[in-house]
């Protein structure tokens, strides 16, 4: 409902919460009866009710709560008790937090929290919940902060999902450690004794068989050279060094190495032993055993490969989830801004129509008064500028009227080249590349060309007036996998892109690039609506 038929804007609201707000006895609060509400309060409530995301407004120093249907669902069992209640009484378990919000925003500040953990009583039981919260002041009729608008996005499911993922990873690590301990026990492959003083090696039948000694070889006189020749060349220096260190320091000997089998393959074994010394402290003999650890080593290698693959999959999944959640947060943010912006633009347009109508009537009543005509003309010019601004805001909010028709992209150079060159200047080169047979598209031609012009002007400013701007067209077929989670239907598309040779945008600027009125230019050099209009047109 417009302000034309309702000077306060407090009637004609739609939805369950609109009915509850209108039926509530506000005269018992500091806000007073509904019919006496200020225009600013009525407008804020109208925007709040039109939003699809949970919004709650805290009005006045006491923070009387007014909220929409989405917030009512979030409130759970406390709805409708919360309506018209002071926020500190409505949510007593977080009263200090909400008092800080009121004090900060009524002083003109803003607050935002990502995955803020709170304990709330929503359905009679305390719940740990996590939320993204955004608080900003709402101006009264005197333009001073009179209330606080809060956007509430619950992220409990995401946080709990991340916690479960971490628990699974921890359980996997613990299981991995248990597997490693279990694999440390191997089968015995024989025993040996190294007579250090005589430098003589002896062993049992299993030991001799493991090193492929000849059957006629005496077990009490096994050649050390034959044993060395059977050890993998990469392992031999290491185990010699470990044996020498064990003899010198008297510490246990534990060495893992590979022994070549008769078929040329290698068997993983572990040699375990310890040097024995005589009464004079001289190294006497070195007994030990040989353990089969081949299955364990193979399992370790398989486990290592599995771990690497799992870590890669987890990393890819986490990155994909983080990217998707960031896109979702950005989309929700722009959706909320778009809803509020569209409502403001719509009401602003109604006001402009009233002003314009009265100005034209005034001009008719005073046709011979030059001063009146001059001032009315200046006022009408300002109204037209305001209408243009309103149209730009409606474009961002995806509420502009479109007239789509079949359009051949090959017409882009003919339609835009001269206009672009005149708008961008001679120091900017324009490179348009389109397929020989581009697919025709159904689009509002004027809005498409306006979007390309906006992007080109932004590119020119980013390059400081010198460089090349490339406009590319490409026929593309998007499959179901590519479109998943992007809000796009699979099928045939024409991809139009605009690129420049500038330095690009830093990440912090890129995050806000499409928000209305955000600009990096100096005052008077840009409205901050160019990219917002392009974003709204593309989405619409």
Protein backbone atom coordinates (compact mmCIF):
# COMPACT_ATOMS: atom_id res chain seq x y z
CA UNK A 1 0.00 0.00 0.00
CA UNK A 2 1.43 3.38 -0.92
CA UNK A 3 1.64 6.59 1.13
CA UNK A 4 -0.88 8.19 -1.28
CA UNK A 5 -3.83 6.49 0.38
CA UNK A 6 -2.37 6.12 3.87
CA UNK A 7 -0.30 8.99 5.30
CA UNK A 8 1.10 6.81 8.08
CA UNK A 9 1.68 3.63 6.00
CA UNK A 10 0.46 1.49 8.92
CA UNK A 11 -2.56 -0.13 7.23
CA UNK A 12 -2.93 -2.67 4.46
CA UNK A 13 -0.01 -4.86 5.62
CA UNK A 14 -0.21 -8.52 4.56
CA UNK A 15 0.71 -11.74 6.34
CA UNK A 16 0.14 -13.41 9.70
CA UNK A 17 2.50 -11.10 11.59
CA UNK A 18 0.91 -8.04 9.96
CA UNK A 19 -2.43 -9.09 11.46
CA UNK A 20 -0.88 -9.67 14.87
CA UNK A 21 0.87 -6.29 14.80
CA UNK A 22 -2.36 -4.49 13.85
CA UNK A 23 -4.35 -6.36 16.53
CA UNK A 24 -1.80 -5.73 19.30
CA UNK A 25 -2.64 -3.05 21.90
CA UNK A 26 0.40 -0.80 21.44
CA UNK A 27 -1.05 1.90 23.68
CA UNK A 28 0.31 0.03 26.72
CA UNK A 29 3.86 0.53 25.39
CA UNK A 30 6.01 3.60 24.87
CA UNK A 31 5.23 3.40 21.12
CA UNK A 32 1.63 4.47 21.70
CA UNK A 33 -1.44 3.52 19.68
CA UNK A 34 -0.84 2.27 16.13
CA UNK A 35 -2.64 5.21 14.51
CA UNK A 36 -0.18 7.61 16.16
CA UNK A 37 2.98 5.85 14.92
CA UNK A 38 5.53 7.94 13.04
CA UNK A 39 6.02 7.60 9.30
CA UNK A 40 9.55 6.27 9.81
CA UNK A 41 8.35 3.52 12.15
CA UNK A 42 5.53 2.51 9.77
CA UNK A 43 7.91 2.41 6.81
CA UNK A 44 10.42 0.30 8.72
CA UNK A 45 7.69 -2.18 9.71
CA UNK A 46 6.47 -2.36 6.11
CA UNK A 47 9.99 -3.25 4.90
CA UNK A 48 10.40 -5.75 7.72
CA UNK A 49 7.16 -7.58 6.86
CA UNK A 50 8.11 -7.80 3.18
CA UNK A 51 11.45 -9.51 3.87
CA UNK A 52 11.78 -13.31 3.39
CA UNK A 53 14.66 -13.54 5.91
CA UNK A 54 14.15 -13.38 9.71
CA UNK A 55 14.07 -9.69 10.71
CA UNK A 56 13.28 -8.18 14.10
CA UNK A 57 13.18 -4.48 14.96
CA UNK A 58 13.91 -3.20 18.47
CA UNK A 59 12.23 0.23 18.79
CA UNK A 60 13.17 2.83 21.32
CA UNK A 61 15.59 2.73 24.23
CA UNK A 62 13.60 -0.16 25.76
CA UNK A 63 13.82 -2.19 22.52
CA UNK A 64 10.18 -3.13 21.91
CA UNK A 65 10.17 -6.11 19.54
CA UNK A 66 8.40 -6.05 16.14
CA UNK A 67 9.20 -8.93 13.80
CA UNK A 68 8.16 -10.74 10.62
CA UNK A 69 6.86 -14.24 9.90
CA UNK A 70 10.35 -15.70 9.32
CA UNK A 71 11.50 -14.49 12.75
CA UNK A 72 8.33 -15.88 14.34
CA UNK A 73 9.37 -19.35 13.12
CA UNK A 74 12.89 -18.80 14.52
CA UNK A 75 11.44 -17.72 17.91
CA UNK A 76 9.74 -21.10 18.37
CA UNK A 77 7.59 -21.37 21.50
CA UNK A 78 8.22 -17.74 22.48
CA UNK A 79 6.05 -16.53 19.63
CA UNK A 80 3.73 -14.60 19.92
CA UNK A 81 4.81 -13.72 23.46
CA UNK A 82 7.77 -11.71 22.08
CA UNK A 83 5.63 -9.28 20.06
CA UNK A 84 5.59 -5.86 21.73
CA UNK A 85 7.86 -7.15 24.51
CA UNK A 86 11.02 -5.38 25.61
CA UNK A 87 13.89 -7.45 24.21
CA UNK A 88 15.62 -7.83 27.56
CA UNK A 89 12.42 -9.33 29.00
CA UNK A 90 11.69 -11.36 25.86
CA UNK A 91 15.15 -13.02 25.85
CA UNK A 92 16.31 -12.67 29.50
CA UNK A 93 19.07 -15.27 29.10
CA UNK A 94 20.89 -12.93 26.69
CA UNK A 95 19.74 -9.62 28.20
CA UNK A 96 23.27 -8.20 28.55
CA UNK A 97 24.05 -9.00 24.91
CA UNK A 98 20.89 -7.28 23.68
CA UNK A 99 21.49 -4.24 25.90
CA UNK A 100 24.93 -3.87 24.29
CA UNK A 101 23.27 -4.08 20.85
CA UNK A 102 20.75 -1.34 21.73
CA UNK A 103 23.37 0.96 23.24
CA UNK A 104 25.70 0.58 20.26
CA UNK A 105 23.15 0.99 17.44
CA UNK A 106 21.14 3.79 19.08
CA UNK A 107 24.45 5.64 19.26
CA UNK A 108 24.76 5.26 15.47
CA UNK A 109 26.98 2.16 15.33
CA UNK A 110 26.55 -1.22 13.66
CA UNK A 111 27.36 -4.76 14.80
CA UNK A 112 27.83 -8.07 13.03
CA UNK A 113 28.64 -11.57 14.29
CA UNK A 114 29.55 -14.73 12.39
CA UNK A 115 28.54 -18.08 13.96
CA UNK A 116 27.77 -16.39 17.30
CA UNK A 117 27.05 -19.04 19.94
CA UNK A 118 24.13 -18.36 22.30
CA UNK A 119 22.09 -20.49 24.69
CA UNK A 120 18.38 -19.76 24.09
CA UNK A 121 15.11 -21.09 25.50
CA UNK A 122 13.04 -21.40 22.33
CA UNK A 123 10.81 -24.42 23.02
CA UNK A 124 10.97 -24.74 26.79
CA UNK A 125 14.47 -26.26 26.81
CA UNK A 126 17.89 -24.54 26.67
CA UNK A 127 19.42 -24.89 23.20
CA UNK A 128 22.92 -24.12 22.00
CA UNK A 129 22.41 -22.20 18.78
CA UNK A 130 24.80 -20.49 16.38
CA UNK A 131 23.80 -17.51 14.27
CA UNK A 132 25.04 -14.87 11.85
CA UNK A 133 23.72 -11.58 13.24
CA UNK A 134 23.68 -8.14 11.62
CA UNK A 135 22.51 -5.06 13.53
CA UNK A 136 22.07 -1.55 12.14
CA UNK A 137 20.29 1.60 13.36
CA UNK A 138 16.88 2.69 11.99
CA UNK A 139 16.34 6.44 11.74
CA UNK A 140 13.26 8.18 13.16
CA UNK A 141 11.48 11.14 11.58
CA UNK A 142 14.21 13.45 12.95
CA UNK A 143 16.88 11.26 11.22
CA UNK A 144 18.36 10.31 14.61
CA UNK A 145 18.61 6.58 15.45
CA UNK A 146 15.28 5.51 16.93
CA UNK A 147 15.48 1.74 16.65
CA UNK A 148 17.60 -1.24 15.64
CA UNK A 149 17.02 -3.58 12.67
CA UNK A 150 18.42 -7.08 13.16
CA UNK A 151 18.95 -9.73 10.47
CA UNK A 152 19.06 -13.22 12.01
CA UNK A 153 20.49 -16.14 9.99
CA UNK A 154 20.73 -19.38 11.99
CA UNK A 155 23.86 -21.43 11.21
CA UNK A 156 23.39 -24.14 13.85
CA UNK A 157 23.13 -26.95 11.29
CA UNK A 158 26.38 -25.89 9.61
CA UNK A 159 28.30 -25.58 12.89
CA UNK A 160 27.06 -28.97 14.15
CA UNK A 161 28.00 -30.49 10.79
CA UNK A 162 31.53 -29.14 11.11
CA UNK A 163 31.77 -30.49 14.67
CA UNK A 164 30.66 -33.95 13.51
CA UNK A 165 33.21 -33.84 10.70
CA UNK A 166 35.95 -33.03 13.21
CA UNK A 167 34.82 -35.90 15.45
CA UNK A 168 34.96 -38.31 12.51
CA UNK A 169 38.48 -37.14 11.65
CA UNK A 170 39.61 -37.57 15.28
CA UNK A 171 38.09 -41.07 15.36
CA UNK A 172 39.92 -41.88 12.14
CA UNK A 173 43.26 -40.79 13.60
CA UNK A 174 42.68 -42.90 16.74
CA UNK A 175 41.77 -45.92 14.61
CA UNK A 176 44.88 -45.35 12.52
CA UNK A 177 47.05 -45.45 15.65
CA UNK A 178 45.42 -48.70 16.78
CA UNK A 179 46.03 -50.21 13.34
CA UNK A 180 49.69 -49.20 13.52
CA UNK A 181 50.11 -50.85 16.93
CA UNK A 182 48.42 -54.03 15.72
CA UNK A 183 50.67 -54.19 12.66
CA UNK A 184 53.84 -53.93 14.74
CA UNK A 185 53.56 -57.58 15.71
CA UNK A 186 55.06 -59.77 12.94
CA UNK A 187 55.93 -63.43 12.31
CA UNK A 188 59.33 -64.73 13.43
CA UNK A 189 61.69 -65.53 10.51
CA UNK A 190 64.55 -66.97 12.56
CA UNK A 191 67.24 -66.09 15.06
CA UNK A 192 70.93 -65.27 14.69
CA UNK A 193 74.05 -64.72 16.78
CA UNK A 194 76.93 -62.52 15.70
CA UNK A 195 80.19 -63.49 17.44
CA UNK A 196 81.81 -60.08 17.50
CA UNK A 197 85.33 -61.15 18.58
CA UNK A 198 85.52 -63.91 15.93
CA UNK A 199 83.39 -61.90 13.47
CA UNK A 200 81.37 -65.00 12.81
CA UNK A 201 77.64 -65.31 12.02
CA UNK A 202 75.41 -68.25 12.95
CA UNK A 203 71.67 -68.81 12.72
CA UNK A 204 68.85 -71.32 12.65
CA UNK A 205 67.28 -72.92 9.56
CA UNK A 206 64.58 -70.28 9.14
CA UNK A 207 67.20 -67.52 9.24
CA UNK A 208 69.34 -69.28 6.60
CA UNK A 209 66.30 -69.91 4.44
CA UNK A 210 65.25 -66.25 4.63
CA UNK A 211 68.68 -65.14 3.31
CA UNK A 212 68.69 -67.93 0.68
CA UNK A 213 71.87 -69.61 1.93
CA UNK A 214 72.77 -72.88 0.12
CA UNK A 215 71.31 -75.95 1.80
CA UNK A 216 74.78 -77.39 2.44
CA UNK A 217 75.95 -74.22 4.24
CA UNK A 218 76.83 -74.98 7.91
CA UNK A 219 74.44 -73.00 10.19
CA UNK A 220 77.28 -72.17 12.62
CA UNK A 221 79.37 -70.53 9.91
CA UNK A 222 77.18 -68.34 7.73
CA UNK A 223 78.95 -65.95 5.40
CA UNK A 224 78.42 -62.30 6.38
CA UNK A 225 79.04 -61.27 2.75
CA UNK A 226 76.15 -63.44 1.49
CA UNK A 227 73.81 -61.86 4.04
CA UNK A 228 74.92 -58.36 3.02
CA UNK A 229 74.41 -59.17 -0.66
CA UNK A 230 70.79 -60.09 0.01
CA UNK A 231 69.94 -56.75 1.70
CA UNK A 232 68.52 -53.99 -0.52
CA UNK A 233 71.39 -51.64 -1.55
CA UNK A 234 69.46 -48.63 -0.27
CA UNK A 235 69.03 -50.18 3.20
CA UNK A 236 72.50 -51.72 3.76
CA UNK A 237 74.44 -48.58 4.81
CA UNK A 238 71.72 -47.62 7.28
CA UNK A 239 71.52 -50.99 9.04
CA UNK A 240 75.35 -51.22 9.23
CA UNK A 241 75.37 -47.81 10.90
CA UNK A 242 72.61 -48.82 13.33
CA UNK A 243 74.42 -52.07 14.26
CA UNK A 244 77.69 -50.21 14.90
CA UNK A 245 75.88 -47.66 17.08
CA UNK A 246 74.17 -50.44 19.08
CA UNK A 247 77.52 -52.18 19.71
CA UNK A 248 79.18 -48.91 20.72
CA UNK A 249 76.44 -47.62 23.03
CA UNK A 250 74.86 -50.91 24.17
CA UNK A 251 71.39 -49.77 23.09
CA UNK A 252 68.78 -52.07 21.52
CA UNK A 253 69.01 -52.68 17.80
CA UNK A 254 65.82 -52.33 15.77
CA UNK A 255 66.21 -51.98 12.02
CA UNK A 256 63.65 -52.33 9.25
CA UNK A 257 65.00 -53.31 5.84
CA UNK A 258 64.33 -55.33 2.70
CA UNK A 259 65.73 -58.77 1.81
CA UNK A 260 65.81 -59.99 -1.78
CA UNK A 261 64.01 -63.29 -2.33
CA UNK A 262 65.03 -65.95 -4.84
CA UNK A 263 62.37 -64.71 -7.30
CA UNK A 264 63.89 -61.21 -7.20
CA UNK A 265 61.11 -59.63 -5.10
CA UNK A 266 61.87 -58.03 -1.74
CA UNK A 267 60.60 -58.98 1.73
CA UNK A 268 60.31 -56.42 4.51
CA UNK A 269 61.84 -57.65 7.79
CA UNK A 270 62.80 -56.18 11.16
CA UNK A 271 66.09 -57.16 12.81
CA UNK A 272 65.98 -56.90 16.61
CA UNK A 273 68.89 -57.58 18.99
CA UNK A 274 71.27 -56.22 21.59
CA UNK A 275 74.99 -56.47 22.18
CA UNK A 276 76.30 -58.47 25.14
CA UNK A 277 79.51 -57.46 26.88
CA UNK A 278 82.08 -59.40 28.99
CA UNK A 279 83.17 -58.43 32.47
CA UNK A 280 85.77 -56.06 31.03
CA UNK A 281 83.12 -54.20 29.07
CA UNK A 282 84.27 -55.52 25.71
CA UNK A 283 81.65 -56.39 23.04
CA UNK A 284 81.24 -60.16 23.12
CA UNK A 285 78.29 -61.34 21.08
CA UNK A 286 75.21 -59.92 19.39
CA UNK A 287 72.12 -62.19 19.50
CA UNK A 288 68.95 -61.22 17.66
CA UNK A 289 65.82 -62.28 15.82
CA UNK A 290 64.36 -61.57 12.40
CA UNK A 291 60.63 -60.67 12.21
CA UNK A 292 58.42 -60.69 9.10
CA UNK A 293 56.84 -57.22 8.81
CA UNK A 294 56.03 -57.39 5.10
CA UNK A 295 52.24 -57.37 5.51
CA UNK A 296 52.50 -54.56 8.01
CA UNK A 297 54.63 -52.46 5.65
CA UNK A 298 52.27 -53.14 2.76
CA UNK A 299 49.36 -52.19 4.98
CA UNK A 300 51.19 -49.02 6.04
CA UNK A 301 51.81 -48.05 2.44
CA UNK A 302 48.17 -48.74 1.58
CA UNK A 303 47.07 -46.81 4.63
CA UNK A 304 49.39 -43.95 3.77
CA UNK A 305 47.97 -43.81 0.25
CA UNK A 306 44.45 -44.04 1.66
CA UNK A 307 45.24 -41.25 4.11
CA UNK A 308 46.61 -39.06 1.36
CA UNK A 309 43.53 -39.69 -0.76
CA UNK A 310 41.23 -39.11 2.21
CA UNK A 311 43.01 -35.91 3.19
CA UNK A 312 42.72 -34.71 -0.38
CA UNK A 313 39.01 -35.58 -0.49
CA UNK A 314 38.40 -33.95 2.89
CA UNK A 315 40.28 -30.83 1.78
CA UNK A 316 38.32 -30.69 -1.47
CA UNK A 317 35.06 -31.24 0.39
CA UNK A 318 35.88 -28.60 2.99
CA UNK A 319 36.92 -26.10 0.31
CA UNK A 320 33.77 -26.81 -1.68
CA UNK A 321 31.64 -26.45 1.44
CA UNK A 322 33.35 -23.22 2.51
CA UNK A 323 32.91 -21.83 -1.01
CA UNK A 324 29.24 -22.84 -1.13
CA UNK A 325 28.56 -21.40 2.33
CA UNK A 326 30.30 -18.16 1.43
CA UNK A 327 28.22 -17.93 -1.74
CA UNK A 328 25.09 -18.67 0.31
CA UNK A 329 25.94 -16.00 2.90
CA UNK A 330 26.64 -13.48 0.13
CA UNK A 331 23.41 -14.41 -1.67
CA UNK A 332 21.39 -14.11 1.56
CA UNK A 333 23.03 -10.78 2.30
CA UNK A 334 22.29 -9.40 -1.18
CA UNK A 335 18.77 -10.88 -1.04
CA UNK A 336 18.08 -9.09 2.23
CA UNK A 337 19.56 -5.83 0.95
CA UNK A 338 17.62 -6.25 -2.30
CA UNK A 339 14.32 -6.78 -0.49
CA UNK A 340 14.81 -3.71 1.67
CA UNK A 341 16.14 -1.66 -1.26
CA UNK A 342 13.19 -2.60 -3.49
CA UNK A 343 10.71 -1.56 -0.81
CA UNK A 344 12.47 1.75 -0.25
CA UNK A 345 12.65 2.43 -4.00
CA UNK A 346 8.97 1.58 -4.46
CA UNK A 347 7.83 3.92 -1.68
CA UNK A 348 10.30 6.59 -2.78
CA UNK A 349 8.86 6.40 -6.29
CA UNK A 350 5.35 6.90 -4.92
CA UNK A 351 6.51 10.00 -3.06
CA UNK A 352 8.17 11.34 -6.22
CA UNK A 353 4.93 10.88 -8.14
CA UNK A 354 3.07 12.95 -5.54
CA UNK A 355 5.74 15.66 -5.65
CA UNK A 356 5.85 15.69 -9.46
CA UNK A 357 2.06 15.92 -9.71
CA UNK A 358 1.90 18.84 -7.34
CA UNK A 359 4.75 20.61 -9.13
CA UNK A 360 2.97 20.31 -12.48
CA UNK A 361 -0.24 21.63 -10.91
CA UNK A 362 1.68 24.54 -9.40
CA UNK A 363 3.21 25.33 -12.80
CA UNK A 364 -0.28 25.43 -14.37
CA UNK A 365 -1.62 27.73 -11.67
CA UNK A 366 1.22 30.23 -12.13
CA UNK A 367 1.89 30.25 -15.90
CA UNK A 368 2.98 33.89 -15.96
CA UNK A 369 5.18 33.87 -12.87
CA UNK A 370 8.76 33.48 -14.16
CA UNK A 371 10.22 32.86 -10.68
CA UNK A 372 7.71 30.12 -9.95
CA UNK A 373 8.26 28.51 -13.36
CA UNK A 374 12.04 28.57 -12.91
CA UNK A 375 11.91 27.06 -9.44
CA UNK A 376 9.30 24.49 -10.43
CA UNK A 377 11.48 23.52 -13.40
CA UNK A 378 14.48 23.03 -11.12
CA UNK A 379 12.37 20.95 -8.73
CA UNK A 380 11.01 18.78 -11.55
CA UNK A 381 14.59 18.19 -12.77
CA UNK A 382 15.52 17.02 -9.26
CA UNK A 383 12.43 14.75 -9.18
CA UNK A 384 13.49 13.23 -12.52
CA UNK A 385 16.96 12.55 -11.11
CA UNK A 386 15.31 10.93 -8.12
CA UNK A 387 13.15 8.81 -10.42
CA UNK A 388 16.27 7.68 -12.25
CA UNK A 389 17.83 6.73 -8.92
CA UNK A 390 14.66 4.83 -8.00
CA UNK A 391 14.81 2.96 -11.32
CA UNK A 392 18.43 2.00 -10.61
CA UNK A 393 17.46 0.69 -7.18
CA UNK A 394 14.56 -1.29 -8.66
CA UNK A 395 17.02 -2.79 -11.16
CA UNK A 396 19.17 -4.04 -8.27
CA UNK A 397 16.06 -5.38 -6.46
CA UNK A 398 15.06 -7.22 -9.70
CA UNK A 399 11.74 -5.36 -9.99
CA UNK A 400 12.36 -3.42 -13.18
CA UNK A 401 9.99 -4.11 -16.11
CA UNK A 402 11.69 -6.13 -18.86
CA UNK A 403 10.76 -6.57 -22.52
CA UNK A 404 12.65 -9.68 -23.66
CA UNK A 405 12.91 -10.46 -27.35
CA UNK A 406 15.03 -12.70 -29.58
CA UNK A 407 18.40 -11.02 -30.04
CA UNK A 408 21.41 -11.92 -32.20
CA UNK A 409 24.66 -11.15 -30.34
CA UNK A 410 26.31 -10.30 -33.67
CA UNK A 411 24.45 -6.97 -33.38
CA UNK A 412 26.47 -5.96 -30.31
CA UNK A 413 29.36 -4.33 -32.26
CA UNK A 414 26.94 -2.37 -34.48
CA UNK A 415 24.82 -1.26 -31.52
CA UNK A 416 27.54 -0.44 -29.03
CA UNK A 417 30.88 0.27 -30.75
CA UNK A 418 30.21 3.93 -31.55
CA UNK A 419 28.48 4.55 -28.22
CA UNK A 420 31.29 2.86 -26.26
CA UNK A 421 34.03 4.74 -28.12
CA UNK A 422 32.28 8.05 -27.49
CA UNK A 423 31.69 7.24 -23.80
CA UNK A 424 35.13 5.75 -23.10
CA UNK A 425 37.39 8.07 -25.09
CA UNK A 426 40.11 7.52 -27.67
CA UNK A 427 42.68 6.19 -25.17
CA UNK A 428 40.60 3.03 -24.59
CA UNK A 429 40.80 0.17 -27.11
CA UNK A 430 37.68 -1.95 -27.50
CA UNK A 431 38.13 -5.58 -28.58
CA UNK A 432 34.87 -7.42 -29.37
CA UNK A 433 35.17 -11.12 -30.18
CA UNK A 434 32.08 -13.23 -30.92
CA UNK A 435 31.64 -16.70 -32.44
CA UNK A 436 31.04 -16.86 -36.19
CA UNK A 437 27.58 -18.25 -35.44
CA UNK A 438 26.59 -17.24 -31.91
CA UNK A 439 23.40 -18.66 -30.48
CA UNK A 440 20.50 -16.21 -30.43
CA UNK A 441 19.22 -15.30 -26.97
CA UNK A 442 15.99 -13.99 -25.50
CA UNK A 443 16.81 -10.84 -23.57
CA UNK A 444 15.80 -7.20 -23.06
CA UNK A 445 18.15 -5.64 -25.61
CA UNK A 446 18.29 -2.17 -24.07
CA UNK A 447 18.98 -3.54 -20.58
CA UNK A 448 21.68 -5.87 -21.94
CA UNK A 449 23.42 -3.06 -23.80
CA UNK A 450 23.09 -0.82 -20.73
CA UNK A 451 24.71 -3.55 -18.58
CA UNK A 452 27.63 -3.90 -21.03
CA UNK A 453 28.03 -0.10 -21.09
CA UNK A 454 28.08 0.02 -17.26
CA UNK A 455 30.76 -2.70 -17.10
CA UNK A 456 32.85 -0.94 -19.76
CA UNK A 457 32.69 2.41 -17.93
CA UNK A 458 33.74 0.73 -14.67
CA UNK A 459 36.59 -0.96 -16.53
CA UNK A 460 37.71 2.38 -17.98
CA UNK A 461 37.79 3.98 -14.52
CA UNK A 462 39.67 0.98 -13.09
CA UNK A 463 42.36 1.36 -15.80
CA UNK A 464 42.57 5.13 -15.16
CA UNK A 465 41.52 5.90 -18.73
CA UNK A 466 44.10 3.83 -20.63
CA UNK A 467 44.06 0.19 -21.70
CA UNK A 468 42.00 -2.42 -23.51
CA UNK A 469 38.48 -3.60 -22.78
CA UNK A 470 37.54 -6.99 -24.22
CA UNK A 471 33.94 -8.09 -24.78
CA UNK A 472 33.75 -11.83 -25.43
CA UNK A 473 30.92 -14.12 -26.45
CA UNK A 474 31.01 -17.91 -26.26
CA UNK A 475 28.44 -20.64 -26.93
CA UNK A 476 28.38 -22.93 -23.87
CA UNK A 477 26.53 -26.10 -22.86
CA UNK A 478 26.20 -26.34 -19.06
CA UNK A 479 25.75 -29.83 -17.65
CA UNK A 480 24.01 -30.87 -14.43
CA UNK A 481 27.28 -31.21 -12.50
CA UNK A 482 28.40 -27.67 -13.31
CA UNK A 483 24.98 -26.19 -12.45
CA UNK A 484 24.63 -27.99 -9.08
CA UNK A 485 24.23 -25.49 -6.25
CA UNK A 486 24.44 -22.43 -8.54
CA UNK A 487 20.73 -21.82 -9.18
CA UNK A 488 21.19 -22.44 -12.92
CA UNK A 489 19.31 -24.93 -15.08
CA UNK A 490 21.40 -27.17 -17.36
CA UNK A 491 21.21 -26.34 -21.06
CA UNK A 492 22.53 -24.15 -23.87
CA UNK A 493 23.82 -20.68 -22.95
CA UNK A 494 25.66 -17.75 -24.47
CA UNK A 495 28.39 -16.51 -22.10
CA UNK A 496 29.06 -12.76 -22.40
CA UNK A 497 32.07 -11.44 -20.48
CA UNK A 498 33.78 -8.07 -20.10
CA UNK A 499 37.47 -7.96 -19.14
CA UNK A 500 40.00 -5.17 -18.84
CA UNK A 501 43.76 -4.84 -18.44
CA UNK A 502 43.54 -3.14 -15.04
CA UNK A 503 44.87 -4.40 -11.70
CA UNK A 504 41.58 -5.94 -10.57
CA UNK A 505 39.78 -5.64 -7.23
CA UNK A 506 41.20 -6.62 -3.84
CA UNK A 507 39.13 -9.30 -1.99
CA UNK A 508 37.61 -6.84 0.49
CA UNK A 509 36.32 -4.66 -2.38
CA UNK A 510 35.11 -7.67 -4.39
CA UNK A 511 32.90 -8.77 -1.49
CA UNK A 512 30.97 -5.48 -1.61
CA UNK A 513 31.20 -4.70 -5.32
CA UNK A 514 27.53 -5.40 -6.06
CA UNK A 515 26.05 -3.66 -3.01
CA UNK A 516 24.09 -0.49 -3.84
CA UNK A 517 25.89 2.80 -3.16
CA UNK A 518 29.23 1.06 -2.52
CA UNK A 519 31.96 2.80 -4.52
CA UNK A 520 35.73 3.26 -4.36
CA UNK A 521 35.56 6.52 -6.30
CA UNK A 522 35.83 9.97 -4.77
CA UNK A 523 32.70 11.92 -3.85
CA UNK A 524 30.83 13.15 -6.88
CA UNK A 525 32.47 10.67 -9.28
CA UNK A 526 30.07 7.75 -8.94
CA UNK A 527 26.77 6.67 -7.37
CA UNK A 528 27.82 3.10 -6.59
CA UNK A 529 24.83 1.76 -8.54
CA UNK A 530 26.43 0.70 -11.85
CA UNK A 531 27.45 -2.82 -10.85
CA UNK A 532 24.33 -3.13 -8.65
CA UNK A 533 22.16 -2.56 -11.73
CA UNK A 534 24.13 -5.13 -13.72
CA UNK A 535 23.81 -7.67 -10.88
CA UNK A 536 20.05 -7.12 -10.56
CA UNK A 537 19.52 -7.36 -14.35
CA UNK A 538 21.51 -10.60 -14.66
CA UNK A 539 19.69 -12.19 -11.72
CA UNK A 540 16.29 -11.06 -13.00
